[in-house]
N, C-alpha and C. Protein backbone atom coordinates (compact mmCIF):
# COMPACT_ATOMS: atom_id res chain seq x y z
N UNK A 1 139.91 -8.66 -17.87
CA UNK A 1 140.16 -9.14 -16.53
C UNK A 1 141.65 -9.47 -16.43
N UNK A 2 142.32 -9.01 -15.38
CA UNK A 2 143.72 -9.36 -15.19
C UNK A 2 143.90 -10.87 -15.06
N UNK A 3 145.00 -11.38 -15.59
CA UNK A 3 145.25 -12.82 -15.59
C UNK A 3 145.24 -13.41 -14.19
N UNK A 4 145.88 -12.72 -13.24
CA UNK A 4 145.93 -13.26 -11.87
C UNK A 4 144.53 -13.36 -11.26
N UNK A 5 143.64 -12.43 -11.62
CA UNK A 5 142.26 -12.48 -11.14
C UNK A 5 141.52 -13.65 -11.78
N UNK A 6 141.73 -13.83 -13.09
CA UNK A 6 141.05 -14.90 -13.82
C UNK A 6 141.46 -16.28 -13.32
N UNK A 7 142.72 -16.41 -12.92
CA UNK A 7 143.21 -17.71 -12.47
C UNK A 7 142.90 -18.01 -11.01
N UNK A 8 142.39 -17.03 -10.30
CA UNK A 8 142.00 -17.23 -8.90
C UNK A 8 140.81 -18.18 -8.85
N UNK A 9 140.84 -19.14 -7.95
CA UNK A 9 139.74 -20.12 -7.84
C UNK A 9 138.40 -19.43 -7.59
N UNK A 10 138.40 -18.32 -6.86
CA UNK A 10 137.16 -17.60 -6.57
C UNK A 10 136.54 -17.02 -7.83
N UNK A 11 137.36 -16.79 -8.85
CA UNK A 11 136.85 -16.24 -10.10
C UNK A 11 136.15 -17.30 -10.94
N UNK A 12 136.22 -18.54 -10.51
CA UNK A 12 135.51 -19.60 -11.22
C UNK A 12 136.33 -20.21 -12.34
N UNK A 13 137.63 -20.28 -12.17
CA UNK A 13 138.47 -20.91 -13.18
C UNK A 13 137.97 -22.32 -13.43
N UNK A 14 137.79 -22.80 -14.63
CA UNK A 14 138.18 -22.09 -15.84
C UNK A 14 137.15 -21.05 -16.24
N UNK A 15 137.58 -19.87 -16.34
CA UNK A 15 136.91 -18.65 -16.78
C UNK A 15 135.39 -18.67 -16.88
N UNK A 16 134.76 -17.99 -15.96
CA UNK A 16 133.32 -17.75 -16.03
C UNK A 16 133.13 -16.29 -16.37
N UNK A 17 132.12 -15.99 -17.14
CA UNK A 17 131.85 -14.60 -17.51
C UNK A 17 131.38 -13.82 -16.29
N UNK A 18 131.45 -12.51 -16.40
CA UNK A 18 130.99 -11.65 -15.31
C UNK A 18 129.51 -11.90 -15.03
N UNK A 19 128.73 -12.15 -16.08
CA UNK A 19 127.30 -12.42 -15.90
C UNK A 19 127.09 -13.69 -15.07
N UNK A 20 127.85 -14.73 -15.38
CA UNK A 20 127.74 -15.99 -14.64
C UNK A 20 128.14 -15.82 -13.18
N UNK A 21 129.18 -15.03 -12.93
CA UNK A 21 129.64 -14.83 -11.56
C UNK A 21 128.65 -13.99 -10.76
N UNK A 22 128.07 -12.95 -11.37
CA UNK A 22 127.06 -12.14 -10.68
C UNK A 22 125.84 -12.99 -10.36
N UNK A 23 125.38 -13.75 -11.35
CA UNK A 23 124.21 -14.62 -11.16
C UNK A 23 124.47 -15.62 -10.03
N UNK A 24 125.62 -16.27 -10.04
CA UNK A 24 125.95 -17.26 -9.01
C UNK A 24 126.03 -16.62 -7.62
N UNK A 25 126.64 -15.45 -7.54
CA UNK A 25 126.78 -14.78 -6.24
C UNK A 25 125.43 -14.36 -5.68
N UNK A 26 124.55 -13.83 -6.54
CA UNK A 26 123.22 -13.43 -6.08
C UNK A 26 122.36 -14.64 -5.71
N UNK A 27 122.49 -15.73 -6.45
CA UNK A 27 121.74 -16.95 -6.11
C UNK A 27 122.20 -17.50 -4.76
N UNK A 28 123.49 -17.43 -4.50
CA UNK A 28 124.00 -17.88 -3.21
C UNK A 28 123.49 -16.97 -2.09
N UNK A 29 123.45 -15.67 -2.36
CA UNK A 29 122.99 -14.70 -1.36
C UNK A 29 121.50 -14.86 -1.06
N UNK A 30 120.68 -15.09 -2.10
CA UNK A 30 119.23 -15.17 -1.91
C UNK A 30 118.73 -16.57 -1.62
N UNK A 31 119.48 -17.58 -2.04
CA UNK A 31 119.05 -18.96 -1.85
C UNK A 31 117.97 -19.39 -2.84
N UNK A 32 117.79 -18.62 -3.92
CA UNK A 32 116.78 -18.94 -4.93
C UNK A 32 117.41 -18.93 -6.32
N UNK A 33 116.76 -19.62 -7.26
CA UNK A 33 117.21 -19.61 -8.64
C UNK A 33 116.69 -18.35 -9.32
N UNK A 34 117.58 -17.63 -9.97
CA UNK A 34 117.25 -16.33 -10.57
C UNK A 34 117.07 -16.47 -12.07
N UNK A 35 116.02 -15.80 -12.59
CA UNK A 35 115.78 -15.75 -14.02
C UNK A 35 116.37 -14.47 -14.63
N UNK A 36 116.16 -13.32 -13.96
CA UNK A 36 116.58 -12.03 -14.51
C UNK A 36 117.13 -11.13 -13.41
N UNK A 37 118.21 -10.43 -13.74
CA UNK A 37 118.78 -9.41 -12.85
C UNK A 37 118.78 -8.10 -13.63
N UNK A 38 118.21 -7.06 -13.06
CA UNK A 38 118.21 -5.75 -13.70
C UNK A 38 119.04 -4.79 -12.86
N UNK A 39 120.10 -4.28 -13.49
CA UNK A 39 121.00 -3.34 -12.82
C UNK A 39 120.75 -1.96 -13.42
N UNK A 40 120.45 -0.99 -12.57
CA UNK A 40 120.25 0.39 -13.01
C UNK A 40 121.43 1.23 -12.51
N UNK A 41 121.40 2.52 -12.83
CA UNK A 41 122.49 3.39 -12.41
C UNK A 41 122.07 4.34 -11.30
N UNK A 42 123.07 4.82 -10.63
CA UNK A 42 122.89 5.77 -9.54
C UNK A 42 123.91 6.89 -9.76
N UNK A 43 123.51 8.12 -9.49
CA UNK A 43 124.43 9.25 -9.70
C UNK A 43 125.24 9.51 -8.43
N UNK A 44 126.54 9.59 -8.61
CA UNK A 44 127.46 9.94 -7.53
C UNK A 44 128.14 11.26 -7.91
N UNK A 45 128.97 11.79 -7.03
CA UNK A 45 129.65 13.06 -7.31
C UNK A 45 130.54 12.98 -8.55
N UNK A 46 131.09 11.82 -8.83
CA UNK A 46 132.01 11.66 -9.95
C UNK A 46 131.41 10.92 -11.14
N UNK A 47 130.09 10.88 -11.25
CA UNK A 47 129.45 10.28 -12.42
C UNK A 47 128.41 9.24 -12.07
N UNK A 48 127.98 8.50 -13.09
CA UNK A 48 126.98 7.44 -12.92
C UNK A 48 127.66 6.09 -12.82
N UNK A 49 127.17 5.28 -11.88
CA UNK A 49 127.72 3.95 -11.66
C UNK A 49 126.57 2.99 -11.37
N UNK A 50 126.82 1.67 -11.51
CA UNK A 50 125.76 0.71 -11.19
C UNK A 50 125.26 0.88 -9.75
N UNK A 51 123.95 0.85 -9.58
CA UNK A 51 123.35 0.97 -8.25
C UNK A 51 123.65 -0.29 -7.44
N UNK A 52 123.75 -0.15 -6.14
CA UNK A 52 124.07 -1.29 -5.29
C UNK A 52 122.87 -2.19 -5.02
N UNK A 53 121.67 -1.71 -5.34
CA UNK A 53 120.46 -2.55 -5.23
C UNK A 53 120.02 -2.93 -6.63
N UNK A 54 119.77 -4.21 -6.83
CA UNK A 54 119.36 -4.71 -8.14
C UNK A 54 117.97 -5.33 -8.04
N UNK A 55 117.23 -5.29 -9.14
CA UNK A 55 115.92 -5.93 -9.21
C UNK A 55 116.13 -7.36 -9.69
N UNK A 56 115.59 -8.32 -8.96
CA UNK A 56 115.80 -9.73 -9.26
C UNK A 56 114.44 -10.41 -9.47
N UNK A 57 114.30 -11.14 -10.58
CA UNK A 57 113.12 -11.97 -10.83
C UNK A 57 113.56 -13.42 -10.69
N UNK A 58 112.85 -14.15 -9.84
CA UNK A 58 113.18 -15.55 -9.59
C UNK A 58 112.39 -16.46 -10.53
N UNK A 59 112.86 -17.68 -10.68
CA UNK A 59 112.17 -18.64 -11.54
C UNK A 59 110.83 -19.08 -10.98
N UNK A 60 110.60 -18.86 -9.68
CA UNK A 60 109.31 -19.23 -9.08
C UNK A 60 108.24 -18.15 -9.27
N UNK A 61 108.58 -17.07 -10.00
CA UNK A 61 107.62 -16.00 -10.27
C UNK A 61 107.70 -14.84 -9.31
N UNK A 62 108.43 -14.98 -8.23
CA UNK A 62 108.60 -13.92 -7.24
C UNK A 62 109.66 -12.93 -7.74
N UNK A 63 109.64 -11.72 -7.21
CA UNK A 63 110.68 -10.74 -7.53
C UNK A 63 111.02 -9.96 -6.27
N UNK A 64 112.19 -9.35 -6.27
CA UNK A 64 112.65 -8.65 -5.08
C UNK A 64 113.74 -7.66 -5.47
N UNK A 65 113.94 -6.65 -4.64
CA UNK A 65 115.07 -5.76 -4.78
C UNK A 65 116.11 -6.23 -3.78
N UNK A 66 117.32 -6.50 -4.27
CA UNK A 66 118.36 -7.11 -3.45
C UNK A 66 119.58 -6.19 -3.40
N UNK A 67 120.09 -5.96 -2.19
CA UNK A 67 121.33 -5.20 -2.04
C UNK A 67 122.49 -6.11 -2.43
N UNK A 68 123.35 -5.62 -3.31
CA UNK A 68 124.47 -6.41 -3.82
C UNK A 68 125.75 -5.63 -3.55
N UNK A 69 126.41 -5.94 -2.44
CA UNK A 69 127.56 -5.14 -2.02
C UNK A 69 128.73 -5.17 -2.98
N UNK A 70 128.83 -6.18 -3.83
CA UNK A 70 129.92 -6.23 -4.82
C UNK A 70 129.82 -5.05 -5.79
N UNK A 71 128.61 -4.60 -6.10
CA UNK A 71 128.45 -3.43 -6.97
C UNK A 71 128.81 -2.16 -6.21
N UNK A 72 128.48 -2.11 -4.94
CA UNK A 72 128.84 -0.96 -4.09
C UNK A 72 130.36 -0.81 -4.02
N UNK A 73 131.06 -1.94 -3.96
CA UNK A 73 132.52 -1.95 -3.87
C UNK A 73 133.20 -1.76 -5.22
N UNK A 74 132.43 -1.75 -6.31
CA UNK A 74 133.00 -1.59 -7.65
C UNK A 74 133.69 -2.84 -8.17
N UNK A 75 133.37 -3.99 -7.57
CA UNK A 75 134.05 -5.24 -7.91
C UNK A 75 133.91 -5.62 -9.39
N UNK A 76 132.76 -5.41 -9.97
CA UNK A 76 132.52 -5.82 -11.36
C UNK A 76 132.48 -4.63 -12.33
N UNK A 77 132.87 -3.45 -11.87
CA UNK A 77 132.70 -2.23 -12.66
C UNK A 77 133.41 -2.29 -14.01
N UNK A 78 134.67 -2.69 -14.03
CA UNK A 78 135.42 -2.71 -15.29
C UNK A 78 134.79 -3.66 -16.31
N UNK A 79 134.41 -4.84 -15.86
CA UNK A 79 133.83 -5.82 -16.78
C UNK A 79 132.45 -5.40 -17.25
N UNK A 80 131.64 -4.81 -16.37
CA UNK A 80 130.32 -4.34 -16.78
C UNK A 80 130.44 -3.16 -17.74
N UNK A 81 131.42 -2.29 -17.52
CA UNK A 81 131.65 -1.17 -18.43
C UNK A 81 132.09 -1.67 -19.79
N UNK A 82 132.86 -2.75 -19.82
CA UNK A 82 133.28 -3.34 -21.09
C UNK A 82 132.08 -3.87 -21.88
N UNK A 83 131.11 -4.44 -21.19
CA UNK A 83 129.90 -4.96 -21.83
C UNK A 83 128.97 -3.82 -22.22
N UNK A 84 128.73 -2.91 -21.30
CA UNK A 84 127.71 -1.87 -21.44
C UNK A 84 128.23 -0.61 -22.11
N UNK A 85 129.47 -0.28 -21.90
CA UNK A 85 129.98 1.04 -22.26
C UNK A 85 129.85 1.93 -21.03
N UNK A 86 130.07 3.21 -21.20
CA UNK A 86 130.01 4.13 -20.07
C UNK A 86 128.59 4.19 -19.51
N UNK A 87 128.46 4.11 -18.21
CA UNK A 87 127.15 4.20 -17.57
C UNK A 87 126.70 5.65 -17.55
N UNK A 88 125.42 5.87 -17.78
CA UNK A 88 124.86 7.21 -17.78
C UNK A 88 123.50 7.22 -17.12
N UNK A 89 122.83 8.35 -17.24
CA UNK A 89 121.50 8.53 -16.67
C UNK A 89 120.53 7.53 -17.31
N UNK A 90 119.80 6.80 -16.52
CA UNK A 90 118.80 5.81 -16.97
C UNK A 90 119.39 4.62 -17.72
N UNK A 91 120.65 4.30 -17.50
CA UNK A 91 121.24 3.10 -18.11
C UNK A 91 120.70 1.88 -17.38
N UNK A 92 120.26 0.89 -18.13
CA UNK A 92 119.76 -0.35 -17.55
C UNK A 92 120.50 -1.52 -18.20
N UNK A 93 121.02 -2.40 -17.38
CA UNK A 93 121.71 -3.59 -17.85
C UNK A 93 120.94 -4.79 -17.31
N UNK A 94 120.48 -5.67 -18.21
CA UNK A 94 119.69 -6.83 -17.80
C UNK A 94 120.46 -8.11 -18.09
N UNK A 95 120.64 -8.92 -17.07
CA UNK A 95 121.26 -10.24 -17.21
C UNK A 95 120.14 -11.25 -17.10
N UNK A 96 120.00 -12.08 -18.14
CA UNK A 96 118.84 -12.97 -18.23
C UNK A 96 119.30 -14.41 -18.48
N UNK A 97 118.74 -15.34 -17.69
CA UNK A 97 118.98 -16.77 -17.90
C UNK A 97 117.94 -17.27 -18.91
N UNK A 98 118.40 -17.86 -20.00
CA UNK A 98 117.50 -18.39 -21.02
C UNK A 98 117.81 -19.86 -21.24
N UNK A 99 117.03 -20.49 -22.09
CA UNK A 99 117.24 -21.90 -22.41
C UNK A 99 118.58 -22.12 -23.11
N UNK A 100 119.09 -21.08 -23.78
CA UNK A 100 120.35 -21.21 -24.52
C UNK A 100 121.55 -20.68 -23.75
N UNK A 101 121.34 -20.19 -22.54
CA UNK A 101 122.46 -19.68 -21.75
C UNK A 101 122.12 -18.36 -21.09
N UNK A 102 123.14 -17.62 -20.72
CA UNK A 102 122.95 -16.33 -20.04
C UNK A 102 123.20 -15.22 -21.04
N UNK A 103 122.25 -14.30 -21.15
CA UNK A 103 122.38 -13.19 -22.09
C UNK A 103 122.41 -11.87 -21.33
N UNK A 104 122.90 -10.83 -22.00
CA UNK A 104 122.95 -9.49 -21.43
C UNK A 104 122.35 -8.52 -22.42
N UNK A 105 121.41 -7.70 -21.96
CA UNK A 105 120.80 -6.66 -22.79
C UNK A 105 121.15 -5.31 -22.21
C-alpha cells in the first residue's frame, strides 16, 4: 500500500489490513455484523478479477449476495492480489471473522 494511502484517515490509520477494511465497509453497507465474506472471480476481456458481488454470511445465521462497488472499481485489487496471488478461473478468497481475529483463506 502506498504510504500516502496508508496515512489517509479513510484507510483506518493506524494501519488496518485490507480484510479489516473490506469487512468494515460491507458491515456499514449492510448494517449487519458479518461472519464470512466469500469473493469469487469473474472473467473479463483482460483476465480474471474479483467479482463485484460477494457472498456474505452474517452472525445472525442469514446470508446474502451483496454488490460491492469497491471491487468493481478495483479499489482493493493490488492488496488482494498480494494476499491471493494472481486471480484465475474458480479462485475463491474467504475472509472470516473468528474468535482470534480476521483470517483469509
